[in-house]
Amino acid sequence: MSTAIASFGDWDFLYANALLEPDGNRLPERISAAEVAINERLEAIGNRDNSERAALTDALRTLQTLRSRRGQTQIAT
């Protein structure tokens, strides 16, 4: 994780937990927790701090991709 993202707050810890979760059964819970924290942070910063807003938006996209790929993997098995 980059230093810039790591300095933004608690959401990045939950985001990292989701990305690094090895247990496929716990992954949806980790993704949801990270999404909630990210959306709360987006609301808190409003239109301020474009660099953090960009990092938050990128994180949400990554979590959506992770969720959809996990779904494809389950269907294939």
PDB file of N, CA and C in Angstrom:
ATOM      1  N   MET A   1       0.835  -1.159   0.000  1.00  0.00           N
ATOM      2  CA  MET A   1       0.000   0.000   0.000  1.00  0.00           C
ATOM      3  C   MET A   1       0.890   1.235   0.000  1.00  0.00           C
ATOM      4  N   SER A   2       0.502   2.236  -0.745  1.00  0.00           N
ATOM      5  CA  SER A   2       1.334   3.424  -0.830  1.00  0.00           C
ATOM      6  C   SER A   2       1.236   4.255   0.445  1.00  0.00           C
ATOM      7  N   THR A   3       2.235   5.065   0.678  1.00  0.00           N
ATOM      8  CA  THR A   3       2.245   5.937   1.844  1.00  0.00           C
ATOM      9  C   THR A   3       1.089   6.923   1.785  1.00  0.00           C
ATOM     10  N   ALA A   4       0.760   7.396   0.598  1.00  0.00           N
ATOM     11  CA  ALA A   4      -0.333   8.357   0.468  1.00  0.00           C
ATOM     12  C   ALA A   4      -1.652   7.753   0.932  1.00  0.00           C
ATOM     13  N   ILE A   5      -1.933   6.537   0.531  1.00  0.00           N
ATOM     14  CA  ILE A   5      -3.177   5.898   0.948  1.00  0.00           C
ATOM     15  C   ILE A   5      -3.132   5.590   2.437  1.00  0.00           C
ATOM     16  N   ALA A   6      -2.013   5.127   2.936  1.00  0.00           N
ATOM     17  CA  ALA A   6      -1.910   4.734   4.339  1.00  0.00           C
ATOM     18  C   ALA A   6      -2.145   5.901   5.288  1.00  0.00           C
ATOM     19  N   SER A   7      -1.946   7.112   4.848  1.00  0.00           N
ATOM     20  CA  SER A   7      -2.101   8.260   5.736  1.00  0.00           C
ATOM     21  C   SER A   7      -3.533   8.774   5.802  1.00  0.00           C
ATOM     22  N   PHE A   8      -4.461   8.199   5.070  1.00  0.00           N
ATOM     23  CA  PHE A   8      -5.806   8.758   4.990  1.00  0.00           C
ATOM     24  C   PHE A   8      -6.737   8.356   6.121  1.00  0.00           C
ATOM     25  N   GLY A   9      -6.520   7.264   6.807  1.00  0.00           N
ATOM     26  CA  GLY A   9      -7.403   6.921   7.911  1.00  0.00           C
ATOM     27  C   GLY A   9      -7.705   5.444   8.004  1.00  0.00           C
ATOM     28  N   ASP A  10      -8.712   5.117   8.797  1.00  0.00           N
ATOM     29  CA  ASP A  10      -9.045   3.728   9.094  1.00  0.00           C
ATOM     30  C   ASP A  10      -9.564   2.935   7.896  1.00  0.00           C
ATOM     31  N   TRP A  11     -10.145   3.601   6.928  1.00  0.00           N
ATOM     32  CA  TRP A  11     -10.704   2.872   5.799  1.00  0.00           C
ATOM     33  C   TRP A  11      -9.640   2.053   5.086  1.00  0.00           C
ATOM     34  N   ASP A  12      -8.421   2.550   5.069  1.00  0.00           N
ATOM     35  CA  ASP A  12      -7.372   1.849   4.337  1.00  0.00           C
ATOM     36  C   ASP A  12      -7.001   0.526   5.004  1.00  0.00           C
ATOM     37  N   PHE A  13      -7.135   0.454   6.320  1.00  0.00           N
ATOM     38  CA  PHE A  13      -6.882  -0.794   7.034  1.00  0.00           C
ATOM     39  C   PHE A  13      -7.932  -1.840   6.643  1.00  0.00           C
ATOM     40  N   LEU A  14      -9.192  -1.437   6.606  1.00  0.00           N
ATOM     41  CA  LEU A  14     -10.267  -2.361   6.217  1.00  0.00           C
ATOM     42  C   LEU A  14     -10.143  -2.757   4.744  1.00  0.00           C
ATOM     43  N   TYR A  15      -9.723  -1.819   3.928  1.00  0.00           N
ATOM     44  CA  TYR A  15      -9.501  -2.093   2.500  1.00  0.00           C
ATOM     45  C   TYR A  15      -8.396  -3.127   2.323  1.00  0.00           C
ATOM     46  N   ALA A  16      -7.299  -2.951   3.031  1.00  0.00           N
ATOM     47  CA  ALA A  16      -6.196  -3.910   2.955  1.00  0.00           C
ATOM     48  C   ALA A  16      -6.636  -5.287   3.452  1.00  0.00           C
ATOM     49  N   ASN A  17      -7.433  -5.315   4.509  1.00  0.00           N
ATOM     50  CA  ASN A  17      -7.938  -6.595   5.012  1.00  0.00           C
ATOM     51  C   ASN A  17      -8.752  -7.319   3.948  1.00  0.00           C
ATOM     52  N   ALA A  18      -9.552  -6.586   3.214  1.00  0.00           N
ATOM     53  CA  ALA A  18     -10.352  -7.206   2.153  1.00  0.00           C
ATOM     54  C   ALA A  18      -9.453  -7.742   1.045  1.00  0.00           C
ATOM     55  N   LEU A  19      -8.487  -6.946   0.635  1.00  0.00           N
ATOM     56  CA  LEU A  19      -7.604  -7.368  -0.451  1.00  0.00           C
ATOM     57  C   LEU A  19      -6.768  -8.584  -0.077  1.00  0.00           C
ATOM     58  N   LEU A  20      -6.417  -8.700   1.195  1.00  0.00           N
ATOM     59  CA  LEU A  20      -5.511  -9.758   1.630  1.00  0.00           C
ATOM     60  C   LEU A  20      -6.218 -10.949   2.278  1.00  0.00           C
ATOM     61  N   GLU A  21      -7.546 -10.934   2.333  1.00  0.00           N
ATOM     62  CA  GLU A  21      -8.286 -12.016   2.978  1.00  0.00           C
ATOM     63  C   GLU A  21      -8.138 -13.327   2.200  1.00  0.00           C
ATOM     64  N   PRO A  22      -7.539 -14.341   2.799  1.00  0.00           N
ATOM     65  CA  PRO A  22      -7.349 -15.611   2.095  1.00  0.00           C
ATOM     66  C   PRO A  22      -8.580 -16.524   2.156  1.00  0.00           C
ATOM     67  N   ASP A  23      -9.473 -16.281   3.109  1.00  0.00           N
ATOM     68  CA  ASP A  23     -10.645 -17.139   3.296  1.00  0.00           C
ATOM     69  C   ASP A  23     -11.807 -16.624   2.455  1.00  0.00           C
ATOM     70  N   GLY A  24     -12.137 -17.364   1.419  1.00  0.00           N
ATOM     71  CA  GLY A  24     -13.208 -16.958   0.521  1.00  0.00           C
ATOM     72  C   GLY A  24     -14.551 -16.796   1.201  1.00  0.00           C
ATOM     73  N   ASN A  25     -14.762 -17.494   2.310  1.00  0.00           N
ATOM     74  CA  ASN A  25     -16.016 -17.362   3.038  1.00  0.00           C
ATOM     75  C   ASN A  25     -16.097 -16.056   3.820  1.00  0.00           C
ATOM     76  N   ARG A  26     -14.969 -15.522   4.218  1.00  0.00           N
ATOM     77  CA  ARG A  26     -14.946 -14.260   4.967  1.00  0.00           C
ATOM     78  C   ARG A  26     -14.801 -13.047   4.060  1.00  0.00           C
ATOM     79  N   LEU A  27     -14.433 -13.275   2.815  1.00  0.00           N
ATOM     80  CA  LEU A  27     -14.181 -12.169   1.892  1.00  0.00           C
ATOM     81  C   LEU A  27     -15.371 -11.223   1.729  1.00  0.00           C
ATOM     82  N   PRO A  28     -16.592 -11.706   1.533  1.00  0.00           N
ATOM     83  CA  PRO A  28     -17.718 -10.765   1.379  1.00  0.00           C
ATOM     84  C   PRO A  28     -17.882  -9.838   2.584  1.00  0.00           C
ATOM     85  N   GLU A  29     -17.665 -10.365   3.779  1.00  0.00           N
ATOM     86  CA  GLU A  29     -17.749  -9.562   5.001  1.00  0.00           C
ATOM     87  C   GLU A  29     -16.672  -8.481   5.006  1.00  0.00           C
ATOM     88  N   ARG A  30     -15.465  -8.855   4.605  1.00  0.00           N
ATOM     89  CA  ARG A  30     -14.353  -7.888   4.564  1.00  0.00           C
ATOM     90  C   ARG A  30     -14.611  -6.802   3.527  1.00  0.00           C
ATOM     91  N   ILE A  31     -15.117  -7.213   2.357  1.00  0.00           N
ATOM     92  CA  ILE A  31     -15.417  -6.246   1.303  1.00  0.00           C
ATOM     93  C   ILE A  31     -16.485  -5.266   1.774  1.00  0.00           C
ATOM     94  N   SER A  32     -17.541  -5.786   2.370  1.00  0.00           N
ATOM     95  CA  SER A  32     -18.628  -4.923   2.842  1.00  0.00           C
ATOM     96  C   SER A  32     -18.148  -3.934   3.897  1.00  0.00           C
ATOM     97  N   ALA A  33     -17.347  -4.397   4.837  1.00  0.00           N
ATOM     98  CA  ALA A  33     -16.822  -3.504   5.883  1.00  0.00           C
ATOM     99  C   ALA A  33     -15.985  -2.389   5.270  1.00  0.00           C
ATOM    100  N   ALA A  34     -15.163  -2.732   4.292  1.00  0.00           N
ATOM    101  CA  ALA A  34     -14.328  -1.726   3.630  1.00  0.00           C
ATOM    102  C   ALA A  34     -15.188  -0.737   2.847  1.00  0.00           C
ATOM    103  N   GLU A  35     -16.201  -1.232   2.152  1.00  0.00           N
ATOM    104  CA  GLU A  35     -17.081  -0.350   1.381  1.00  0.00           C
ATOM    105  C   GLU A  35     -17.807   0.640   2.288  1.00  0.00           C
ATOM    106  N   VAL A  36     -18.286   0.165   3.428  1.00  0.00           N
ATOM    107  CA  VAL A  36     -18.971   1.057   4.373  1.00  0.00           C
ATOM    108  C   VAL A  36     -18.016   2.153   4.847  1.00  0.00           C
ATOM    109  N   ALA A  37     -16.817   1.763   5.246  1.00  0.00           N
ATOM    110  CA  ALA A  37     -15.836   2.738   5.736  1.00  0.00           C
ATOM    111  C   ALA A  37     -15.456   3.743   4.650  1.00  0.00           C
ATOM    112  N   ILE A  38     -15.292   3.269   3.442  1.00  0.00           N
ATOM    113  CA  ILE A  38     -14.930   4.153   2.329  1.00  0.00           C
ATOM    114  C   ILE A  38     -16.060   5.130   2.040  1.00  0.00           C
ATOM    115  N   ASN A  39     -17.285   4.640   1.985  1.00  0.00           N
ATOM    116  CA  ASN A  39     -18.420   5.525   1.718  1.00  0.00           C
ATOM    117  C   ASN A  39     -18.621   6.548   2.837  1.00  0.00           C
ATOM    118  N   GLU A  40     -18.398   6.133   4.081  1.00  0.00           N
ATOM    119  CA  GLU A  40     -18.476   7.085   5.191  1.00  0.00           C
ATOM    120  C   GLU A  40     -17.413   8.167   5.055  1.00  0.00           C
ATOM    121  N   ARG A  41     -16.221   7.770   4.648  1.00  0.00           N
ATOM    122  CA  ARG A  41     -15.141   8.752   4.481  1.00  0.00           C
ATOM    123  C   ARG A  41     -15.441   9.699   3.332  1.00  0.00           C
ATOM    124  N   LEU A  42     -16.003   9.169   2.244  1.00  0.00           N
ATOM    125  CA  LEU A  42     -16.385  10.020   1.119  1.00  0.00           C
ATOM    126  C   LEU A  42     -17.390  11.078   1.563  1.00  0.00           C
ATOM    127  N   GLU A  43     -18.352  10.673   2.376  1.00  0.00           N
ATOM    128  CA  GLU A  43     -19.337  11.627   2.891  1.00  0.00           C
ATOM    129  C   GLU A  43     -18.669  12.656   3.794  1.00  0.00           C
ATOM    130  N   ALA A  44     -17.721  12.215   4.609  1.00  0.00           N
ATOM    131  CA  ALA A  44     -17.063  13.108   5.564  1.00  0.00           C
ATOM    132  C   ALA A  44     -16.213  14.176   4.880  1.00  0.00           C
ATOM    133  N   ILE A  45     -15.544  13.806   3.790  1.00  0.00           N
ATOM    134  CA  ILE A  45     -14.669  14.795   3.151  1.00  0.00           C
ATOM    135  C   ILE A  45     -15.411  15.677   2.157  1.00  0.00           C
ATOM    136  N   GLY A  46     -16.599  15.282   1.769  1.00  0.00           N
ATOM    137  CA  GLY A  46     -17.358  16.092   0.820  1.00  0.00           C
ATOM    138  C   GLY A  46     -16.580  16.287  -0.461  1.00  0.00           C
ATOM    139  N   ASN A  47     -16.476  17.524  -0.905  1.00  0.00           N
ATOM    140  CA  ASN A  47     -15.764  17.825  -2.151  1.00  0.00           C
ATOM    141  C   ASN A  47     -14.313  18.237  -1.912  1.00  0.00           C
ATOM    142  N   ARG A  48     -13.852  18.109  -0.670  1.00  0.00           N
ATOM    143  CA  ARG A  48     -12.474  18.490  -0.345  1.00  0.00           C
ATOM    144  C   ARG A  48     -11.507  17.363  -0.680  1.00  0.00           C
ATOM    145  N   ASP A  49     -10.259  17.675  -0.704  1.00  0.00           N
ATOM    146  CA  ASP A  49      -9.141  16.736  -0.823  1.00  0.00           C
ATOM    147  C   ASP A  49      -9.298  15.772  -2.007  1.00  0.00           C
ATOM    148  N   ASN A  50      -9.029  16.271  -3.171  1.00  0.00           N
ATOM    149  CA  ASN A  50      -9.179  15.475  -4.386  1.00  0.00           C
ATOM    150  C   ASN A  50      -8.292  14.238  -4.415  1.00  0.00           C
ATOM    151  N   SER A  51      -7.113  14.295  -3.787  1.00  0.00           N
ATOM    152  CA  SER A  51      -6.239  13.120  -3.807  1.00  0.00           C
ATOM    153  C   SER A  51      -6.838  11.991  -2.981  1.00  0.00           C
ATOM    154  N   GLU A  52      -7.415  12.317  -1.848  1.00  0.00           N
ATOM    155  CA  GLU A  52      -8.056  11.269  -1.051  1.00  0.00           C
ATOM    156  C   GLU A  52      -9.319  10.769  -1.738  1.00  0.00           C
ATOM    157  N   ARG A  53     -10.097  11.663  -2.306  1.00  0.00           N
ATOM    158  CA  ARG A  53     -11.309  11.266  -3.020  1.00  0.00           C
ATOM    159  C   ARG A  53     -10.959  10.310  -4.168  1.00  0.00           C
ATOM    160  N   ALA A  54      -9.892  10.584  -4.880  1.00  0.00           N
ATOM    161  CA  ALA A  54      -9.464   9.701  -5.973  1.00  0.00           C
ATOM    162  C   ALA A  54      -9.052   8.332  -5.431  1.00  0.00           C
ATOM    163  N   ALA A  55      -8.329   8.312  -4.315  1.00  0.00           N
ATOM    164  CA  ALA A  55      -7.921   7.037  -3.715  1.00  0.00           C
ATOM    165  C   ALA A  55      -9.136   6.248  -3.254  1.00  0.00           C
ATOM    166  N   LEU A  56     -10.110   6.925  -2.659  1.00  0.00           N
ATOM    167  CA  LEU A  56     -11.330   6.259  -2.201  1.00  0.00           C
ATOM    168  C   LEU A  56     -12.121   5.677  -3.370  1.00  0.00           C
ATOM    169  N   THR A  57     -12.243   6.447  -4.423  1.00  0.00           N
ATOM    170  CA  THR A  57     -12.974   5.983  -5.604  1.00  0.00           C
ATOM    171  C   THR A  57     -12.281   4.781  -6.236  1.00  0.00           C
ATOM    172  N   ASP A  58     -10.963   4.834  -6.338  1.00  0.00           N
ATOM    173  CA  ASP A  58     -10.200   3.702  -6.868  1.00  0.00           C
ATOM    174  C   ASP A  58     -10.375   2.468  -5.993  1.00  0.00           C
ATOM    175  N   ALA A  59     -10.375   2.668  -4.688  1.00  0.00           N
ATOM    176  CA  ALA A  59     -10.545   1.539  -3.763  1.00  0.00           C
ATOM    177  C   ALA A  59     -11.919   0.897  -3.942  1.00  0.00           C
ATOM    178  N   LEU A  60     -12.946   1.708  -4.088  1.00  0.00           N
ATOM    179  CA  LEU A  60     -14.291   1.156  -4.307  1.00  0.00           C
ATOM    180  C   LEU A  60     -14.353   0.344  -5.600  1.00  0.00           C
ATOM    181  N   ARG A  61     -13.739   0.858  -6.651  1.00  0.00           N
ATOM    182  CA  ARG A  61     -13.716   0.115  -7.925  1.00  0.00           C
ATOM    183  C   ARG A  61     -12.995  -1.224  -7.772  1.00  0.00           C
ATOM    184  N   THR A  62     -11.902  -1.202  -7.054  1.00  0.00           N
ATOM    185  CA  THR A  62     -11.138  -2.428  -6.836  1.00  0.00           C
ATOM    186  C   THR A  62     -11.964  -3.441  -6.048  1.00  0.00           C
ATOM    187  N   LEU A  63     -12.668  -2.984  -5.023  1.00  0.00           N
ATOM    188  CA  LEU A  63     -13.510  -3.884  -4.242  1.00  0.00           C
ATOM    189  C   LEU A  63     -14.648  -4.452  -5.083  1.00  0.00           C
ATOM    190  N   GLN A  64     -15.224  -3.644  -5.957  1.00  0.00           N
ATOM    191  CA  GLN A  64     -16.279  -4.133  -6.847  1.00  0.00           C
ATOM    192  C   GLN A  64     -15.735  -5.211  -7.786  1.00  0.00           C
ATOM    193  N   THR A  65     -14.534  -4.996  -8.295  1.00  0.00           N
ATOM    194  CA  THR A  65     -13.897  -5.993  -9.159  1.00  0.00           C
ATOM    195  C   THR A  65     -13.611  -7.268  -8.385  1.00  0.00           C
ATOM    196  N   LEU A  66     -13.097  -7.135  -7.175  1.00  0.00           N
ATOM    197  CA  LEU A  66     -12.821  -8.294  -6.340  1.00  0.00           C
ATOM    198  C   LEU A  66     -14.104  -9.075  -6.064  1.00  0.00           C
ATOM    199  N   ARG A  67     -15.177  -8.376  -5.755  1.00  0.00           N
ATOM    200  CA  ARG A  67     -16.463  -9.024  -5.496  1.00  0.00           C
ATOM    201  C   ARG A  67     -16.965  -9.767  -6.744  1.00  0.00           C
ATOM    202  N   SER A  68     -16.870  -9.128  -7.898  1.00  0.00           N
ATOM    203  CA  SER A  68     -17.372  -9.770  -9.117  1.00  0.00           C
ATOM    204  C   SER A  68     -16.501 -10.955  -9.533  1.00  0.00           C
ATOM    205  N   ARG A  69     -15.211 -10.853  -9.371  1.00  0.00           N
ATOM    206  CA  ARG A  69     -14.327 -11.984  -9.710  1.00  0.00           C
ATOM    207  C   ARG A  69     -14.535 -13.149  -8.766  1.00  0.00           C
ATOM    208  N   ARG A  70     -14.797 -12.853  -7.509  1.00  0.00           N
ATOM    209  CA  ARG A  70     -15.074 -13.913  -6.542  1.00  0.00           C
ATOM    210  C   ARG A  70     -16.351 -14.647  -6.963  1.00  0.00           C
ATOM    211  N   GLY A  71     -17.352 -13.899  -7.402  1.00  0.00           N
ATOM    212  CA  GLY A  71     -18.602 -14.509  -7.862  1.00  0.00           C
ATOM    213  C   GLY A  71     -18.386 -15.387  -9.066  1.00  0.00           C
ATOM    214  N   GLN A  72     -17.544 -14.967  -9.985  1.00  0.00           N
ATOM    215  CA  GLN A  72     -17.243 -15.768 -11.172  1.00  0.00           C
ATOM    216  C   GLN A  72     -16.502 -17.042 -10.799  1.00  0.00           C
ATOM    217  N   THR A  73     -15.628 -16.962  -9.834  1.00  0.00           N
ATOM    218  CA  THR A  73     -14.864 -18.126  -9.384  1.00  0.00           C
ATOM    219  C   THR A  73     -15.804 -19.135  -8.738  1.00  0.00           C
ATOM    220  N   GLN A  74     -16.767 -18.675  -7.941  1.00  0.00           N
ATOM    221  CA  GLN A  74     -17.690 -19.595  -7.290  1.00  0.00           C
ATOM    222  C   GLN A  74     -18.576 -20.289  -8.316  1.00  0.00           C
ATOM    223  N   ILE A  75     -18.998 -19.568  -9.342  1.00  0.00           N
ATOM    224  CA  ILE A  75     -19.848 -20.161 -10.374  1.00  0.00           C
ATOM    225  C   ILE A  75     -19.083 -21.222 -11.140  1.00  0.00           C
ATOM    226  N   ALA A  76     -17.798 -20.985 -11.398  1.00  0.00           N
ATOM    227  CA  ALA A  76     -16.989 -21.906 -12.173  1.00  0.00           C
ATOM    228  C   ALA A  76     -16.674 -23.190 -11.415  1.00  0.00           C
ATOM    229  N   THR A  77     -16.710 -23.144 -10.091  1.00  0.00           N
ATOM    230  CA  THR A  77     -16.357 -24.339  -9.320  1.00  0.00           C
ATOM    231  C   THR A  77     -17.520 -25.240  -9.060  1.00  0.00           C
TER     232      THR A  77
END
